[in-house]
């Protein structure tokens, strides 16, 4: 039956547009609805605004529930694979043209617009865990949250070590999902740049970037949406919990690499290059450490413990090539005298618009 449905062709004189937006319960509350347009869609200007019942998404009261969504970033639809079918990422507004409180995109855009000549570049490594039947892939059928690490019970995974970037059915769990997600992102036009297995069984990561300014939040949000859609096909649920399994297991973060044009400046002989600009940015980040921590995702205190390749949440730290520091500067950056820094503090459930704009503001505007 599915093969027969897949054989059906979309008409060429219409376009199906999947409107995607962030709901009222945080950056992982991803919603969508399809609309048929009786024309070809060649650019984002071809897509009209739309609306929905904001009461059902916790974005409006029942007696005034209309919410308007404005198209912001255009992608191909990898699940309706013909040229005229699109996905469009939107942000949310009231009928009287005010951004909703959940619209963190507009606030980020306003910050990036203050100093566009800075050319902020970002890439984000998004870690996540794949659950099926209430447990991560590779774990026994007992409720995953009821234990704290490896035990002697038959079927439980052994300690961390063999799972990271692994190959083999006994150590790699969920590759089909990670690969399907990679393909969906590439077909959609998301700037995905890699995938790999993580230290905990059933845990994976994908990287998006390099992206400039607001583009980073747009592409990561769409990549998250596509991952949820891929999960539907496999009957799996994607978790962005920063510590899905307690005990001696790595948590899940959203490591964010950042640079500006000044940080990327190659030093001439006898001159100070971008590395000094990176150091200045780190000084500002230390000064506002707690402010960033408060905005970097929920439940992060369970992950940033000073163990499992993290620094403790209360004490700021940075280092060259140090994965146990909050801010890691690659060794290649130190050698070249320019490059980027990696903020390892954001949790896997962070808001990319908030994190990227805060990094930019703290390092460049404060």
Protein backbone atom coordinates (compact mmCIF):
# COMPACT_ATOMS: atom_id res chain seq x y z
CA UNK A 1 0.00 0.00 0.00
CA UNK A 2 2.81 2.39 0.87
CA UNK A 3 4.54 1.70 -2.45
CA UNK A 4 1.30 2.52 -4.25
CA UNK A 5 1.00 5.81 -2.38
CA UNK A 6 4.66 6.67 -3.05
CA UNK A 7 4.03 6.14 -6.77
CA UNK A 8 1.50 8.99 -6.82
CA UNK A 9 2.88 12.19 -8.30
CA UNK A 10 2.30 15.73 -7.06
CA UNK A 11 0.66 18.07 -9.63
CA UNK A 12 3.09 20.51 -11.17
CA UNK A 13 0.74 23.52 -11.08
CA UNK A 14 0.50 23.57 -7.26
CA UNK A 15 2.92 23.78 -4.35
CA UNK A 16 2.59 22.20 -0.92
CA UNK A 17 4.20 24.40 1.70
CA UNK A 18 4.87 23.06 5.21
CA UNK A 19 4.84 26.00 7.63
CA UNK A 20 7.11 25.27 10.62
CA UNK A 21 7.20 27.34 13.80
CA UNK A 22 8.18 27.25 17.48
CA UNK A 23 5.26 26.86 19.88
CA UNK A 24 4.75 28.35 23.31
CA UNK A 25 6.55 25.71 25.37
CA UNK A 26 10.12 26.49 24.41
CA UNK A 27 12.53 26.00 21.51
CA UNK A 28 11.83 22.27 21.21
CA UNK A 29 8.07 22.79 20.83
CA UNK A 30 8.11 22.51 17.05
CA UNK A 31 4.81 22.68 15.19
CA UNK A 32 3.83 22.58 11.52
CA UNK A 33 0.92 22.61 9.13
CA UNK A 34 0.68 22.21 5.35
CA UNK A 35 -0.94 24.63 2.94
CA UNK A 36 -1.56 24.15 -0.78
CA UNK A 37 -0.69 27.15 -2.94
CA UNK A 38 -2.04 27.32 -6.48
CA UNK A 39 1.24 28.57 -7.89
CA UNK A 40 4.93 27.77 -8.04
CA UNK A 41 7.11 28.85 -5.12
CA UNK A 42 10.42 30.23 -6.31
CA UNK A 43 11.30 32.50 -3.39
CA UNK A 44 10.16 33.23 0.14
CA UNK A 45 8.23 36.26 -1.12
CA UNK A 46 5.92 33.82 -2.93
CA UNK A 47 4.69 32.41 0.39
CA UNK A 48 1.92 34.32 2.22
CA UNK A 49 1.63 34.73 5.97
CA UNK A 50 -0.57 32.15 7.67
CA UNK A 51 -2.28 31.66 11.01
CA UNK A 52 -3.24 29.05 13.58
CA UNK A 53 -5.05 28.53 16.88
CA UNK A 54 -2.55 29.81 19.43
CA UNK A 55 -4.56 28.51 22.38
CA UNK A 56 -3.65 24.96 21.38
CA UNK A 57 0.08 25.85 21.31
CA UNK A 58 0.07 27.80 24.61
CA UNK A 59 0.61 31.09 22.78
CA UNK A 60 -2.75 32.83 23.12
CA UNK A 61 -5.89 32.82 25.31
CA UNK A 62 -9.01 31.00 24.07
CA UNK A 63 -11.03 34.20 23.61
CA UNK A 64 -8.35 35.74 21.34
CA UNK A 65 -6.49 32.74 19.98
CA UNK A 66 -5.37 33.83 16.52
CA UNK A 67 -1.61 33.83 15.94
CA UNK A 68 0.02 34.96 12.70
CA UNK A 69 3.18 33.33 11.32
CA UNK A 70 5.57 35.10 8.99
CA UNK A 71 7.86 33.14 6.62
CA UNK A 72 11.54 33.71 7.42
CA UNK A 73 13.69 30.91 5.95
CA UNK A 74 12.90 28.74 2.94
CA UNK A 75 13.85 25.07 2.51
CA UNK A 76 12.99 22.18 0.22
CA UNK A 77 10.58 19.57 1.57
CA UNK A 78 12.53 16.26 1.70
CA UNK A 79 9.35 14.29 2.46
CA UNK A 80 7.45 15.64 -0.57
CA UNK A 81 10.36 15.38 -2.99
CA UNK A 82 9.40 17.52 -5.94
CA UNK A 83 10.86 20.94 -6.68
CA UNK A 84 7.70 22.96 -6.07
CA UNK A 85 7.07 21.62 -2.54
CA UNK A 86 8.72 23.60 0.25
CA UNK A 87 9.17 23.96 3.97
CA UNK A 88 9.30 27.42 5.47
CA UNK A 89 10.45 28.34 8.95
CA UNK A 90 8.29 31.07 10.48
CA UNK A 91 8.14 33.25 13.58
CA UNK A 92 5.02 34.12 15.55
CA UNK A 93 3.15 37.43 15.84
CA UNK A 94 -0.09 38.72 17.28
CA UNK A 95 -2.81 39.92 14.88
CA UNK A 96 -1.84 43.52 15.73
CA UNK A 97 1.71 42.84 14.53
CA UNK A 98 3.52 42.43 17.85
CA UNK A 99 6.06 39.60 18.28
CA UNK A 100 4.93 36.97 20.76
CA UNK A 101 7.05 36.33 23.89
CA UNK A 102 8.07 32.99 22.37
CA UNK A 103 9.50 34.81 19.33
CA UNK A 104 13.16 34.89 20.37
CA UNK A 105 14.16 35.10 16.71
CA UNK A 106 13.17 38.75 16.32
CA UNK A 107 15.17 39.72 19.43
CA UNK A 108 18.24 37.91 18.09
CA UNK A 109 17.87 39.57 14.68
CA UNK A 110 17.77 42.99 16.32
CA UNK A 111 21.06 42.30 18.12
CA UNK A 112 22.79 41.01 14.99
CA UNK A 113 21.63 44.10 13.10
CA UNK A 114 23.45 46.40 15.53
CA UNK A 115 26.85 45.50 14.10
CA UNK A 116 26.50 43.55 10.84
CA UNK A 117 30.08 44.34 9.86
CA UNK A 118 31.24 42.01 12.65
CA UNK A 119 30.15 39.05 10.48
CA UNK A 120 29.46 36.57 13.32
CA UNK A 121 29.93 32.94 12.29
CA UNK A 122 28.54 29.99 14.21
CA UNK A 123 28.43 26.23 14.09
CA UNK A 124 26.57 24.05 16.57
CA UNK A 125 27.07 20.40 17.50
CA UNK A 126 23.66 19.16 18.59
CA UNK A 127 23.67 16.05 20.78
CA UNK A 128 20.53 13.96 21.28
CA UNK A 129 19.31 10.54 22.45
CA UNK A 130 17.01 8.19 20.54
CA UNK A 131 14.30 6.50 22.61
CA UNK A 132 12.03 3.59 21.69
CA UNK A 133 9.54 1.95 24.05
CA UNK A 134 10.65 4.22 26.89
CA UNK A 135 14.37 3.44 26.70
CA UNK A 136 17.38 4.61 24.69
CA UNK A 137 18.34 2.39 21.79
CA UNK A 138 20.81 -0.25 22.95
CA UNK A 139 19.31 -0.46 26.46
CA UNK A 140 17.09 -3.22 27.91
CA UNK A 141 13.33 -2.82 28.04
CA UNK A 142 13.19 -1.72 31.70
CA UNK A 143 12.37 1.96 32.28
CA UNK A 144 15.59 3.78 31.44
CA UNK A 145 15.36 6.36 34.20
CA UNK A 146 15.16 3.79 37.00
CA UNK A 147 18.86 3.01 37.15
CA UNK A 148 22.15 4.85 37.25
CA UNK A 149 24.54 3.21 34.82
CA UNK A 150 25.90 -0.22 33.94
CA UNK A 151 24.83 -3.13 36.11
CA UNK A 152 25.45 -6.84 36.10
CA UNK A 153 21.97 -7.50 34.70
CA UNK A 154 21.93 -9.29 31.38
CA UNK A 155 21.43 -6.95 28.43
CA UNK A 156 22.58 -3.71 30.03
CA UNK A 157 25.29 -1.86 28.08
CA UNK A 158 28.82 -1.92 29.37
CA UNK A 159 30.70 1.22 30.44
CA UNK A 160 31.42 4.09 28.05
CA UNK A 161 34.31 3.65 25.66
CA UNK A 162 33.36 1.54 22.66
CA UNK A 163 30.32 3.54 21.52
CA UNK A 164 31.79 6.88 20.42
CA UNK A 165 32.15 7.05 16.60
CA UNK A 166 31.73 3.27 16.58
CA UNK A 167 30.77 0.73 13.92
CA UNK A 168 29.01 -2.58 14.52
CA UNK A 169 25.59 -3.74 15.67
CA UNK A 170 26.89 -4.43 19.19
CA UNK A 171 28.10 -0.85 19.80
CA UNK A 172 26.26 1.43 17.34
CA UNK A 173 22.54 1.93 17.94
CA UNK A 174 20.45 4.22 15.74
CA UNK A 175 22.67 4.72 12.71
CA UNK A 176 19.73 4.32 10.31
CA UNK A 177 17.99 7.25 11.97
CA UNK A 178 21.12 9.44 12.01
CA UNK A 179 21.77 8.70 8.34
CA UNK A 180 18.15 9.32 7.32
CA UNK A 181 18.29 12.63 9.16
CA UNK A 182 21.52 13.57 7.41
CA UNK A 183 19.91 12.86 4.04
CA UNK A 184 16.76 14.80 4.92
CA UNK A 185 18.81 17.84 5.95
CA UNK A 186 20.92 17.74 2.79
CA UNK A 187 17.82 17.44 0.61
CA UNK A 188 16.14 20.30 2.47
CA UNK A 189 19.13 22.62 2.12
CA UNK A 190 19.97 22.71 5.83
CA UNK A 191 23.65 23.49 6.34
CA UNK A 192 24.42 20.21 8.10
CA UNK A 193 28.11 19.34 8.12
CA UNK A 194 28.37 15.96 9.83
CA UNK A 195 26.99 13.25 12.15
CA UNK A 196 28.62 10.84 14.60
CA UNK A 197 27.85 8.47 17.45
CA UNK A 198 28.24 9.74 21.02
CA UNK A 199 29.78 8.11 24.13
CA UNK A 200 26.48 6.77 25.47
CA UNK A 201 24.58 3.98 23.65
CA UNK A 202 21.66 5.43 21.69
CA UNK A 203 23.15 8.91 21.72
CA UNK A 204 24.13 10.76 18.53
CA UNK A 205 25.20 14.20 17.37
CA UNK A 206 24.91 16.26 14.23
CA UNK A 207 26.68 19.49 13.37
CA UNK A 208 25.14 22.48 11.60
CA UNK A 209 27.24 25.33 10.25
CA UNK A 210 29.10 27.40 9.41
CA UNK A 211 26.19 29.88 9.42
CA UNK A 212 26.23 33.67 9.75
CA UNK A 213 24.09 35.53 12.27
CA UNK A 214 20.40 34.65 12.41
CA UNK A 215 20.92 31.82 9.88
CA UNK A 216 22.34 29.64 12.66
CA UNK A 217 19.11 29.58 14.65
CA UNK A 218 17.05 29.02 11.50
CA UNK A 219 19.07 26.05 10.27
CA UNK A 220 19.40 24.36 13.67
CA UNK A 221 15.67 24.73 14.33
CA UNK A 222 14.81 23.20 10.97
CA UNK A 223 17.33 20.39 11.56
CA UNK A 224 15.62 19.61 14.89
CA UNK A 225 12.21 19.56 13.20
CA UNK A 226 13.46 17.21 10.49
CA UNK A 227 14.94 14.90 13.14
CA UNK A 228 11.54 14.63 14.82
CA UNK A 229 9.94 13.85 11.46
CA UNK A 230 12.53 11.15 10.74
CA UNK A 231 11.87 9.70 14.18
CA UNK A 232 8.20 9.32 13.23
CA UNK A 233 9.17 7.04 10.33
CA UNK A 234 11.11 4.74 12.68
CA UNK A 235 8.65 4.86 15.58
CA UNK A 236 11.28 6.52 17.77
CA UNK A 237 11.27 9.59 19.98
CA UNK A 238 14.16 12.04 20.02
CA UNK A 239 15.16 13.37 23.45
CA UNK A 240 17.08 16.60 23.93
CA UNK A 241 17.32 16.08 27.69
CA UNK A 242 20.79 17.23 28.83
CA UNK A 243 21.15 14.18 31.10
CA UNK A 244 18.74 11.49 29.89
CA UNK A 245 20.37 8.71 31.92
CA UNK A 246 21.74 9.46 35.42
CA UNK A 247 25.02 8.03 36.60
CA UNK A 248 28.32 7.42 34.84
CA UNK A 249 27.19 8.48 31.37
CA UNK A 250 27.83 11.56 29.27
CA UNK A 251 25.06 14.11 29.07
CA UNK A 252 23.91 15.88 25.91
CA UNK A 253 25.04 19.38 25.02
CA UNK A 254 24.86 21.82 22.17
CA UNK A 255 28.46 22.99 21.76
CA UNK A 256 28.48 26.33 19.97
CA UNK A 257 31.49 27.54 18.01
CA UNK A 258 31.72 31.29 17.45
CA UNK A 259 33.92 33.81 15.71
CA UNK A 260 33.78 37.31 14.30
CA UNK A 261 35.66 38.86 11.42
CA UNK A 262 38.12 40.36 13.93
CA UNK A 263 38.70 36.95 15.56
CA UNK A 264 39.44 35.43 12.17
CA UNK A 265 41.99 38.14 11.29
CA UNK A 266 45.33 36.57 10.38
CA UNK A 267 48.13 38.31 12.31
CA UNK A 268 50.76 40.11 10.26
CA UNK A 269 54.37 40.14 11.39
CA UNK A 270 54.68 42.14 14.61
CA UNK A 271 50.92 42.74 14.85
CA UNK A 272 48.23 41.33 17.12
CA UNK A 273 45.82 39.06 15.26
CA UNK A 274 42.46 37.52 16.01
CA UNK A 275 43.67 35.49 18.99
CA UNK A 276 43.82 38.61 21.14
CA UNK A 277 40.24 39.43 20.13
CA UNK A 278 39.23 35.91 21.21
CA UNK A 279 40.90 36.46 24.60
CA UNK A 280 38.98 39.71 25.04
CA UNK A 281 35.76 37.89 24.27
CA UNK A 282 36.56 35.19 26.84
CA UNK A 283 37.14 37.86 29.52
CA UNK A 284 33.65 39.20 28.82
CA UNK A 285 32.19 35.69 28.89
CA UNK A 286 33.72 35.05 32.30
CA UNK A 287 32.26 38.30 33.62
CA UNK A 288 28.76 37.23 32.52
CA UNK A 289 29.08 33.50 33.21
CA UNK A 290 25.99 33.15 35.42
CA UNK A 291 23.86 35.21 33.04
CA UNK A 292 24.76 32.84 30.22
CA UNK A 293 24.22 29.72 32.33
CA UNK A 294 20.69 30.87 33.19
CA UNK A 295 19.88 31.20 29.48
CA UNK A 296 21.66 28.08 28.20
CA UNK A 297 18.94 25.48 28.70
CA UNK A 298 16.92 23.71 31.40
CA UNK A 299 18.36 20.92 33.55
CA UNK A 300 21.95 21.85 32.70
CA UNK A 301 23.00 21.49 36.33
CA UNK A 302 22.59 17.72 35.91
CA UNK A 303 25.09 17.79 33.03
CA UNK A 304 27.70 20.42 34.02
CA UNK A 305 29.12 18.57 37.01
CA UNK A 306 32.86 18.67 36.34
CA UNK A 307 32.71 15.08 35.07
CA UNK A 308 32.10 13.47 31.67
CA UNK A 309 33.94 16.14 29.68
CA UNK A 310 32.27 19.08 31.39
CA UNK A 311 33.34 21.85 33.75
CA UNK A 312 31.36 22.55 36.90
CA UNK A 313 28.40 24.83 36.34
CA UNK A 314 29.40 27.31 39.08
CA UNK A 315 33.00 28.03 38.08
CA UNK A 316 33.99 29.58 34.75
CA UNK A 317 36.97 28.04 32.96
CA UNK A 318 38.64 28.14 29.58
CA UNK A 319 41.61 26.45 27.98
CA UNK A 320 43.36 25.60 24.74
CA UNK A 321 42.34 22.16 23.49
CA UNK A 322 40.64 21.43 26.82
CA UNK A 323 37.30 19.57 26.59
CA UNK A 324 36.93 19.86 30.38
CA UNK A 325 36.67 23.67 30.17
CA UNK A 326 33.57 25.76 29.59
CA UNK A 327 35.27 27.58 26.71
CA UNK A 328 37.58 25.55 24.50
CA UNK A 329 39.97 27.27 22.13
CA UNK A 330 41.24 24.84 19.48
CA UNK A 331 44.99 24.28 19.41
CA UNK A 332 44.92 25.18 15.72
CA UNK A 333 43.54 28.61 16.64
CA UNK A 334 46.36 29.23 19.09
CA UNK A 335 48.97 28.17 16.53
CA UNK A 336 47.46 30.29 13.74
CA UNK A 337 46.91 33.28 16.00
CA UNK A 338 43.29 33.53 14.85
CA UNK A 339 40.17 31.42 14.52
CA UNK A 340 37.26 30.70 16.85
CA UNK A 341 36.19 29.67 20.35
CA UNK A 342 33.82 26.87 21.35
CA UNK A 343 31.29 27.44 24.13
CA UNK A 344 30.63 24.01 25.63
CA UNK A 345 28.12 25.22 28.22
CA UNK A 346 24.81 25.17 26.26
CA UNK A 347 22.53 22.24 27.00
CA UNK A 348 21.05 20.11 24.24
CA UNK A 349 17.65 21.79 24.76
CA UNK A 350 18.99 25.35 24.40
CA UNK A 351 17.36 28.07 22.30
CA UNK A 352 19.79 28.73 19.41
CA UNK A 353 18.50 32.26 18.87
CA UNK A 354 19.17 33.11 22.53
CA UNK A 355 22.58 31.41 22.72
CA UNK A 356 24.00 32.83 19.48
CA UNK A 357 22.77 36.38 20.10
CA UNK A 358 24.06 36.31 23.71
CA UNK A 359 27.49 35.18 22.55
CA UNK A 360 27.54 37.96 19.99
CA UNK A 361 26.33 40.60 22.45
CA UNK A 362 28.74 39.62 25.24
CA UNK A 363 31.79 39.34 23.02
CA UNK A 364 31.11 42.25 20.65
CA UNK A 365 28.60 44.73 22.04
CA UNK A 366 29.21 44.84 25.83
